[in-house]
N, C-alpha and C. Protein backbone atom coordinates (compact mmCIF):
# COMPACT_ATOMS: atom_id res chain seq x y z
N MET A 1 0.64 -0.88 -0.33
CA MET A 1 0.14 -0.05 0.00
C MET A 1 0.88 1.56 0.41
N LYS A 2 2.05 1.38 0.86
CA LYS A 2 2.75 2.54 0.59
C LYS A 2 3.91 3.17 -0.80
N THR A 3 3.28 1.53 -1.69
CA THR A 3 3.82 1.71 -2.99
C THR A 3 3.11 2.76 -4.08
N ALA A 4 1.79 2.38 -3.68
CA ALA A 4 1.15 2.51 -3.96
C ALA A 4 0.45 4.11 -3.95
N ALA A 5 0.88 3.87 -2.04
CA ALA A 5 0.46 5.49 -1.91
C ALA A 5 1.73 6.40 -2.92
N ILE A 6 3.26 6.34 -2.76
CA ILE A 6 4.37 7.64 -3.12
C ILE A 6 3.48 6.93 -4.56
N LEU A 7 3.03 6.09 -5.61
CA LEU A 7 3.07 5.97 -6.76
C LEU A 7 1.78 7.39 -7.23
N ALA A 8 0.97 7.15 -6.25
CA ALA A 8 -0.17 7.74 -6.78
C ALA A 8 0.30 9.34 -6.66
N ILE A 9 1.31 10.02 -5.67
CA ILE A 9 1.47 11.51 -5.45
C ILE A 9 2.77 11.56 -6.71
N GLY A 10 3.07 10.34 -6.90
CA GLY A 10 3.88 10.63 -8.29
C GLY A 10 3.13 11.47 -9.23
N ALA A 11 2.22 10.38 -9.32
CA ALA A 11 1.63 10.47 -10.46
C ALA A 11 0.70 12.06 -10.42
N PHE A 12 0.23 12.62 -9.31
CA PHE A 12 -0.53 13.35 -9.34
C PHE A 12 0.65 14.96 -9.34
N LEU A 13 2.15 14.59 -9.10
CA LEU A 13 2.79 15.60 -9.75
C LEU A 13 2.85 15.74 -10.92
N ALA A 14 3.04 15.00 -11.40
CA ALA A 14 2.84 14.88 -13.20
C ALA A 14 1.75 15.09 -14.04
N VAL A 15 0.67 14.90 -13.42
CA VAL A 15 0.31 15.95 -14.20
C VAL A 15 0.01 17.49 -14.28
N PRO A 16 -0.37 18.15 -15.12
CA PRO A 16 0.01 19.17 -15.28
C PRO A 16 -1.03 20.42 -14.68
N LEU A 17 -0.91 21.44 -14.66
CA LEU A 17 -1.50 22.31 -14.42
C LEU A 17 -2.72 22.65 -15.26
N LEU A 18 -4.33 22.86 -14.51
CA LEU A 18 -5.26 23.66 -15.59
C LEU A 18 -5.55 24.63 -14.86
N GLY A 19 -6.52 25.23 -15.65
CA GLY A 19 -6.91 26.46 -15.92
C GLY A 19 -7.57 26.41 -13.62
N ALA A 20 -7.53 27.41 -13.10
CA ALA A 20 -8.53 27.68 -11.94
C ALA A 20 -9.93 27.64 -11.95
N GLU A 21 -10.83 28.17 -13.88
CA GLU A 21 -11.70 28.14 -14.15
C GLU A 21 -12.89 27.13 -13.61
N ASP A 22 -12.06 26.01 -14.05
CA ASP A 22 -12.73 24.48 -13.65
C ASP A 22 -12.44 23.76 -12.60
N GLY A 23 -12.89 24.03 -11.31
CA GLY A 23 -12.76 23.51 -9.75
C GLY A 23 -13.06 21.66 -9.69
N ALA A 24 -14.32 21.40 -10.62
CA ALA A 24 -14.22 19.75 -11.06
C ALA A 24 -13.33 19.05 -11.93
N ALA A 25 -13.06 19.82 -12.48
CA ALA A 25 -11.35 18.96 -13.69
C ALA A 25 -10.42 18.86 -12.85
N LEU A 26 -10.41 20.03 -12.03
CA LEU A 26 -9.18 20.09 -10.85
C LEU A 26 -8.99 18.92 -10.12
N PHE A 27 -9.81 19.01 -9.32
CA PHE A 27 -10.24 18.45 -8.25
C PHE A 27 -9.97 16.82 -9.23
N LYS A 28 -10.13 16.59 -10.15
CA LYS A 28 -10.13 14.84 -11.30
C LYS A 28 -8.47 15.21 -10.57
N ALA A 29 -7.90 16.36 -11.48
CA ALA A 29 -7.12 16.20 -12.32
C ALA A 29 -5.37 15.40 -11.21
N ARG A 30 -6.23 16.37 -10.34
CA ARG A 30 -5.20 16.86 -8.48
C ARG A 30 -5.52 16.24 -7.36
N CYS A 31 -6.72 14.99 -7.25
CA CYS A 31 -7.49 15.08 -5.90
C CYS A 31 -8.22 14.07 -5.59
N ALA A 32 -9.04 12.93 -6.66
CA ALA A 32 -9.38 12.56 -7.04
C ALA A 32 -8.41 10.70 -6.42
N MET A 33 -7.59 10.83 -7.26
CA MET A 33 -6.99 9.78 -7.02
C MET A 33 -6.72 9.38 -5.69
N CYS A 34 -6.75 10.21 -4.38
CA CYS A 34 -6.66 9.81 -2.87
C CYS A 34 -7.96 10.25 -2.66
N HIS A 35 -8.61 11.43 -2.96
CA HIS A 35 -10.34 10.91 -1.66
C HIS A 35 -11.41 10.93 -3.04
N GLY A 36 -11.01 10.44 -4.25
CA GLY A 36 -11.92 9.89 -5.19
C GLY A 36 -12.65 10.71 -5.68
N PRO A 37 -13.86 10.78 -6.62
CA PRO A 37 -14.78 11.60 -7.23
C PRO A 37 -15.61 12.18 -6.74
N ASP A 38 -15.89 12.01 -4.82
CA ASP A 38 -16.91 12.28 -4.36
C ASP A 38 -16.65 12.79 -3.62
N GLY A 39 -15.11 13.14 -2.97
CA GLY A 39 -14.84 13.31 -1.96
C GLY A 39 -14.90 12.53 -0.46
N SER A 40 -15.26 10.90 -0.85
CA SER A 40 -15.54 10.15 0.09
C SER A 40 -14.09 9.41 0.77
N GLY A 41 -13.67 9.94 -0.65
CA GLY A 41 -11.59 9.25 0.27
C GLY A 41 -11.84 7.07 0.00
N LEU A 42 -13.07 7.19 -0.63
CA LEU A 42 -13.08 5.45 -0.37
C LEU A 42 -12.11 4.53 -1.76
N THR A 43 -10.66 4.79 -1.49
CA THR A 43 -10.17 4.64 -3.01
C THR A 43 -9.10 4.23 -2.30
N PRO A 44 -8.41 3.06 -3.07
CA PRO A 44 -7.22 2.28 -2.61
C PRO A 44 -6.18 3.27 -1.46
N VAL A 45 -6.02 4.33 -2.16
CA VAL A 45 -4.90 5.26 -1.56
C VAL A 45 -5.55 5.70 -0.35
N GLY A 46 -6.72 6.29 -1.02
CA GLY A 46 -7.28 6.74 0.40
C GLY A 46 -7.11 5.89 1.43
N LYS A 47 -7.61 5.13 1.11
CA LYS A 47 -8.20 3.95 2.63
C LYS A 47 -6.83 4.15 3.04
N SER A 48 -5.66 3.31 2.58
CA SER A 48 -4.77 3.01 2.89
C SER A 48 -3.70 4.24 3.34
N LEU A 49 -4.03 5.61 2.99
CA LEU A 49 -3.87 6.53 3.73
C LEU A 49 -5.13 7.08 4.65
N LYS A 50 -5.96 6.23 4.81
CA LYS A 50 -7.06 7.64 5.81
C LYS A 50 -7.45 8.49 5.45
N VAL A 51 -7.24 8.68 4.20
CA VAL A 51 -7.64 10.58 3.94
C VAL A 51 -8.56 10.32 4.59
N ARG A 52 -9.21 12.24 4.95
CA ARG A 52 -10.55 12.48 5.16
C ARG A 52 -11.81 12.29 4.19
N ASN A 53 -12.90 12.27 5.31
CA ASN A 53 -13.74 12.29 3.89
C ASN A 53 -14.02 13.69 3.87
N LEU A 54 -13.86 13.98 2.59
CA LEU A 54 -14.17 15.57 2.28
C LEU A 54 -15.84 15.79 2.42
N ARG A 55 -16.90 15.40 2.06
CA ARG A 55 -18.17 15.38 2.72
C ARG A 55 -18.17 15.54 4.05
N SER A 56 -18.03 15.12 4.97
CA SER A 56 -17.89 15.03 6.34
C SER A 56 -17.99 16.77 7.34
N ALA A 57 -19.00 16.58 8.54
CA ALA A 57 -19.33 17.60 9.05
C ALA A 57 -17.95 18.04 9.11
N ASP A 58 -17.00 17.77 9.67
CA ASP A 58 -15.69 17.73 10.35
C ASP A 58 -14.44 18.81 9.99
N VAL A 59 -15.07 18.65 8.24
CA VAL A 59 -14.38 18.87 7.18
C VAL A 59 -15.01 19.90 6.18
N GLN A 60 -16.35 19.82 6.14
CA GLN A 60 -17.13 21.49 5.83
C GLN A 60 -17.69 22.65 6.55
N LYS A 61 -16.84 22.48 8.61
CA LYS A 61 -17.30 23.52 8.96
C LYS A 61 -16.07 24.03 9.28
N GLN A 62 -14.60 23.44 8.38
CA GLN A 62 -13.42 24.56 8.40
C GLN A 62 -13.97 25.12 7.63
N SER A 63 -12.98 26.80 7.81
CA SER A 63 -13.34 27.97 6.86
C SER A 63 -11.81 27.16 5.89
N ASP A 64 -12.57 28.27 5.15
CA ASP A 64 -12.40 28.62 3.45
C ASP A 64 -10.48 28.50 3.51
N ALA A 65 -9.87 29.55 5.09
CA ALA A 65 -8.79 29.62 4.90
C ALA A 65 -7.83 28.36 5.80
N GLU A 66 -8.49 27.76 6.98
CA GLU A 66 -7.73 25.71 6.91
C GLU A 66 -8.01 24.92 5.87
N LEU A 67 -9.05 25.15 4.95
CA LEU A 67 -9.39 24.33 3.55
C LEU A 67 -7.37 24.40 3.16
N ALA A 68 -7.65 25.95 2.82
CA ALA A 68 -6.24 25.76 1.88
C ALA A 68 -5.28 25.61 2.52
N LYS A 69 -5.54 26.06 3.78
CA LYS A 69 -3.99 26.04 4.49
C LYS A 69 -3.17 24.70 4.77
N ILE A 70 -4.98 23.44 4.77
CA ILE A 70 -4.70 22.05 4.32
C ILE A 70 -3.95 22.01 2.58
N ILE A 71 -4.95 22.04 1.99
CA ILE A 71 -4.07 21.80 0.56
C ILE A 71 -2.58 22.27 0.42
N ASN A 72 -2.41 23.34 1.50
CA ASN A 72 -0.98 23.74 0.96
C ASN A 72 0.01 22.49 1.65
N GLY A 73 -0.14 21.39 2.42
CA GLY A 73 0.09 20.57 3.04
C GLY A 73 0.38 20.37 4.65
N LYS A 74 -0.20 19.55 5.15
CA LYS A 74 -0.44 19.59 6.65
C LYS A 74 -1.05 18.05 7.03
N GLY A 75 -0.04 17.79 7.38
CA GLY A 75 -0.28 15.55 8.11
C GLY A 75 0.28 15.19 6.60
N LYS A 76 -0.38 13.97 6.17
CA LYS A 76 -0.10 13.07 4.99
C LYS A 76 -0.38 13.65 3.56
N MET A 77 -0.94 15.09 4.20
CA MET A 77 -1.00 15.83 2.73
C MET A 77 0.04 16.49 2.14
N PRO A 78 0.07 15.89 0.98
CA PRO A 78 1.60 17.04 0.97
C PRO A 78 1.19 18.23 0.03
N ALA A 79 2.42 19.03 0.48
CA ALA A 79 2.48 20.24 -0.15
C ALA A 79 1.96 20.56 -1.27
N MET A 80 0.69 21.59 -1.94
CA MET A 80 0.01 22.10 -2.84
C MET A 80 0.76 22.88 -3.56
N LYS A 81 0.99 23.94 -2.68
CA LYS A 81 1.90 25.33 -3.02
C LYS A 81 2.75 25.28 -4.02
N ALA A 82 3.59 24.29 -4.36
CA ALA A 82 4.33 24.95 -5.41
C ALA A 82 4.28 24.38 -7.09
N ASN A 83 2.94 23.01 -7.09
CA ASN A 83 1.85 23.15 -7.95
C ASN A 83 0.95 23.75 -7.81
N LEU A 84 -0.33 24.39 -7.16
CA LEU A 84 -1.26 25.26 -7.60
C LEU A 84 -1.06 26.82 -7.60
N SER A 85 -2.04 27.23 -7.53
CA SER A 85 -2.09 28.78 -8.06
C SER A 85 -3.01 28.85 -6.75
N ASP A 86 -2.62 30.23 -6.38
CA ASP A 86 -3.96 30.50 -4.54
C ASP A 86 -5.13 30.19 -5.66
N ALA A 87 -5.53 31.20 -6.78
CA ALA A 87 -6.05 30.47 -8.09
C ALA A 87 -6.91 29.33 -7.64
N ASP A 88 -6.27 28.69 -7.93
CA ASP A 88 -6.55 26.78 -7.69
C ASP A 88 -6.93 26.85 -7.20
N ILE A 89 -5.86 27.42 -5.63
CA ILE A 89 -6.08 26.38 -4.49
C ILE A 89 -7.39 27.72 -4.23
N ARG A 90 -7.91 28.45 -3.97
CA ARG A 90 -9.62 28.61 -4.14
C ARG A 90 -10.73 28.09 -4.80
N THR A 91 -9.97 27.50 -5.75
CA THR A 91 -11.51 27.21 -6.71
C THR A 91 -11.58 25.23 -6.37
N LEU A 92 -9.92 25.11 -5.36
CA LEU A 92 -10.58 23.92 -4.88
C LEU A 92 -11.34 24.12 -3.97
N VAL A 93 -11.06 24.81 -2.59
CA VAL A 93 -11.56 25.26 -1.72
C VAL A 93 -13.32 24.94 -1.98
N ALA A 94 -13.58 26.09 -3.72
CA ALA A 94 -14.80 25.51 -3.60
C ALA A 94 -15.89 24.88 -3.91
N HIS A 95 -14.59 24.12 -4.83
CA HIS A 95 -15.14 22.81 -5.39
C HIS A 95 -15.41 21.27 -4.13
N ILE A 96 -14.72 22.00 -3.12
CA ILE A 96 -14.92 20.92 -1.67
C ILE A 96 -16.45 21.37 -0.89
N ARG A 97 -16.79 22.53 -1.54
CA ARG A 97 -17.90 22.82 -0.38
C ARG A 97 -18.95 22.25 -1.56
N THR A 98 -19.04 21.72 -2.87
CA THR A 98 -19.94 21.30 -3.11
C THR A 98 -20.79 19.93 -2.88
N PHE A 99 -19.22 19.41 -1.93
CA PHE A 99 -19.64 17.91 -1.11
C PHE A 99 -20.31 17.98 -0.42
N LYS A 100 -20.81 19.47 0.07
CA LYS A 100 -21.55 18.76 1.32
C LYS A 100 -22.24 17.97 1.25
N LYS A 101 -22.75 17.37 2.62
CA LYS A 101 -23.39 16.31 2.70
C LYS A 101 -24.92 17.48 2.29
């Protein structure tokens, strides 16, 4: 499982950057491999890393600034600041809000 996680992170970093205008496409390219297309985290990599369910009340109650800080790297979450613009991060936060139950 550790190898799968390393491969997934490597694939993530190899994906070219997308425009900030499409949060769903950006999420699909950058986040879905671990968090799943629906944000549930129920992917093989997500399960092995025990990623948080982005649809959960715990995640959804966090401020946009807190979510952006996590996207920039916290705990098991690799820092994305080098690979994403501030606009991309704001777009991802807005897309994560669409997962609210």
